[in-house]
Amino acid sequence: MPISRDEFEHDPTESIPFGPSTQPRTVLQFLLEHPETAYTQTELADETGIQRGSLGKVLSRLESHDLVRHRDRYWIIADDDRLASVSAASTGLQSVADTYDDDWYAQNSDWADDFDPEQDAWTPTDHDTSTDTEDDG
């Protein structure tokens, strides 16, 4: 059975988890906050709190997706439009949570786990209480 180019290009086993508090997101968020500065792994470990042994693997995965660049001992955020989208989505979602901290988002701390930034879509789960019904009226 033939598959589309998108299916061919996207390998779900190579995707990077960007959920809240994940190491890839922590590294990208830090580097996005300092786009004009390159850091060594030791400096990144100190700044992000990620153990240096784990950080090397995270950086390699991010580099394989062209999200960071590497030269000698230094790592810097890549110049990529996708990063601006990820940053904007992350900032927007956090802003919503901060603004409406007394509503559903505040009462359900795992709300962001259902957001898939690669798909720009909300994935409903068993704790999603929204329903789509039509009035047969």
Protein backbone atom coordinates (compact mmCIF):
# COMPACT_ATOMS: atom_id res chain seq x y z
CA MET A 1 0.00 0.00 0.00
CA PRO A 2 1.50 3.39 -0.95
CA ILE A 3 1.91 6.10 1.68
CA SER A 4 1.99 9.88 1.45
CA ARG A 5 5.18 11.93 1.50
CA ASP A 6 4.26 13.20 4.98
CA GLU A 7 4.00 9.64 6.28
CA PHE A 8 7.27 8.77 4.57
CA GLU A 9 9.09 11.76 6.04
CA HIS A 10 7.66 11.46 9.57
CA ASP A 11 9.06 8.63 11.67
CA PRO A 12 7.19 8.60 14.99
CA THR A 13 10.01 6.65 16.64
CA GLU A 14 12.33 9.62 16.02
CA SER A 15 10.03 12.29 17.40
CA ILE A 16 11.22 14.38 20.30
CA PRO A 17 9.01 14.74 23.38
CA PHE A 18 8.30 18.44 24.00
CA GLY A 19 5.86 18.12 26.88
CA PRO A 20 6.20 20.30 29.96
CA SER A 21 9.36 19.67 31.98
CA THR A 22 10.95 17.39 29.36
CA GLN A 23 14.67 17.72 28.84
CA PRO A 24 14.44 18.67 25.13
CA ARG A 25 11.93 21.41 25.92
CA THR A 26 14.06 22.67 28.83
CA VAL A 27 17.13 22.92 26.58
CA LEU A 28 15.26 24.56 23.70
CA GLN A 29 13.51 27.01 25.99
CA PHE A 30 16.82 28.05 27.54
CA LEU A 31 18.52 28.44 24.16
CA LEU A 32 15.52 30.35 22.77
CA GLU A 33 15.91 32.79 25.65
CA HIS A 34 19.58 33.29 24.64
CA PRO A 35 19.57 33.08 20.82
CA GLU A 36 22.82 35.01 20.35
CA THR A 37 24.91 32.89 22.73
CA ALA A 38 26.54 29.47 22.30
CA TYR A 39 27.17 27.25 25.32
CA THR A 40 29.27 24.21 26.16
CA GLN A 41 27.54 21.09 27.46
CA THR A 42 28.86 21.84 30.94
CA GLU A 43 27.42 25.36 30.84
CA LEU A 44 24.08 24.05 29.55
CA ALA A 45 24.02 21.43 32.30
CA ASP A 46 24.67 24.12 34.91
CA GLU A 47 21.99 26.44 33.47
CA THR A 48 19.26 23.83 32.90
CA GLY A 49 19.90 21.42 35.76
CA ILE A 50 20.09 18.49 33.34
CA GLN A 51 22.87 16.00 34.06
CA ARG A 52 25.68 16.27 31.55
CA GLY A 53 25.43 12.58 30.63
CA SER A 54 21.78 13.02 29.60
CA LEU A 55 22.39 16.37 27.96
CA GLY A 56 24.67 14.96 25.26
CA LYS A 57 21.95 12.62 24.02
CA VAL A 58 19.32 15.39 24.14
CA LEU A 59 21.54 17.77 22.16
CA SER A 60 22.31 15.08 19.57
CA ARG A 61 18.60 14.39 19.03
CA LEU A 62 17.85 18.11 18.76
CA GLU A 63 20.69 18.49 16.27
CA SER A 64 19.41 15.58 14.17
CA HIS A 65 16.15 17.52 13.81
CA ASP A 66 18.03 20.74 12.94
CA LEU A 67 16.82 22.51 16.09
CA VAL A 68 20.29 23.25 17.47
CA ARG A 69 23.70 23.65 15.86
CA HIS A 70 27.03 22.41 17.11
CA ARG A 71 30.57 23.63 16.49
CA ASP A 72 33.57 22.40 18.46
CA ARG A 73 32.42 22.36 22.12
CA TYR A 74 29.62 24.87 21.64
CA TRP A 75 25.88 24.53 21.05
CA ILE A 76 23.49 27.25 19.88
CA ILE A 77 19.84 27.42 18.85
CA ALA A 78 19.32 26.93 15.11
CA ASP A 79 17.82 29.57 12.85
CA ASP A 80 14.58 27.81 12.03
CA ASP A 81 11.00 29.05 11.65
CA ARG A 82 9.73 25.95 13.46
CA LEU A 83 11.43 27.16 16.63
CA ALA A 84 9.51 30.40 16.54
CA SER A 85 6.29 28.38 16.23
CA VAL A 86 7.20 26.11 19.14
CA SER A 87 8.17 29.11 21.25
CA ALA A 88 4.98 30.99 20.39
CA ALA A 89 2.79 27.96 21.10
CA SER A 90 4.52 27.31 24.39
CA THR A 91 4.32 30.95 25.43
CA GLY A 92 0.70 31.18 24.35
CA LEU A 93 -0.36 28.08 26.23
CA GLN A 94 1.45 29.21 29.36
CA SER A 95 -0.11 32.67 29.06
CA VAL A 96 -3.58 31.13 28.89
CA ALA A 97 -2.83 29.03 31.96
CA ASP A 98 -1.49 32.04 33.85
CA THR A 99 -4.38 34.28 32.87
CA TYR A 100 -7.11 31.79 33.69
CA ASP A 101 -5.54 30.11 36.70
CA ASP A 102 -8.89 29.70 38.42
CA ASP A 103 -10.53 27.66 35.67
CA TRP A 104 -10.25 24.21 34.15
CA TYR A 105 -6.56 24.64 33.26
CA ALA A 106 -5.63 25.37 36.86
CA GLN A 107 -7.66 22.45 38.15
CA ASN A 108 -6.21 20.01 35.59
CA SER A 109 -2.44 20.35 35.60
CA ASP A 110 -1.98 17.74 32.87
CA TRP A 111 -3.85 19.79 30.25
CA ALA A 112 -0.73 20.50 28.19
CA ASP A 113 0.08 16.78 27.91
CA ASP A 114 -2.66 16.50 25.30
CA PHE A 115 -1.23 19.22 23.05
CA ASP A 116 0.91 17.91 20.20
CA PRO A 117 2.88 20.87 18.75
CA GLU A 118 4.01 18.79 15.75
CA GLN A 119 0.40 18.26 14.74
CA ASP A 120 -0.86 21.68 15.90
CA ALA A 121 -3.78 19.77 17.32
CA TRP A 122 -5.42 18.91 20.58
CA THR A 123 -5.58 15.19 21.26
CA PRO A 124 -8.61 14.44 23.44
CA THR A 125 -8.11 11.93 26.22
CA ASP A 126 -10.28 10.39 28.88
CA HIS A 127 -9.96 13.53 31.04
CA ASP A 128 -11.10 15.83 28.22
CA THR A 129 -14.65 16.74 29.22
CA SER A 130 -15.56 18.54 26.00
CA THR A 131 -18.02 16.82 23.68
CA ASP A 132 -19.14 17.53 20.17
CA THR A 133 -22.85 16.90 19.78
CA GLU A 134 -25.28 17.93 17.15
CA ASP A 135 -28.81 18.96 17.93
CA ASP A 136 -31.10 16.69 15.96
CA GLY A 137 -33.89 19.12 16.97
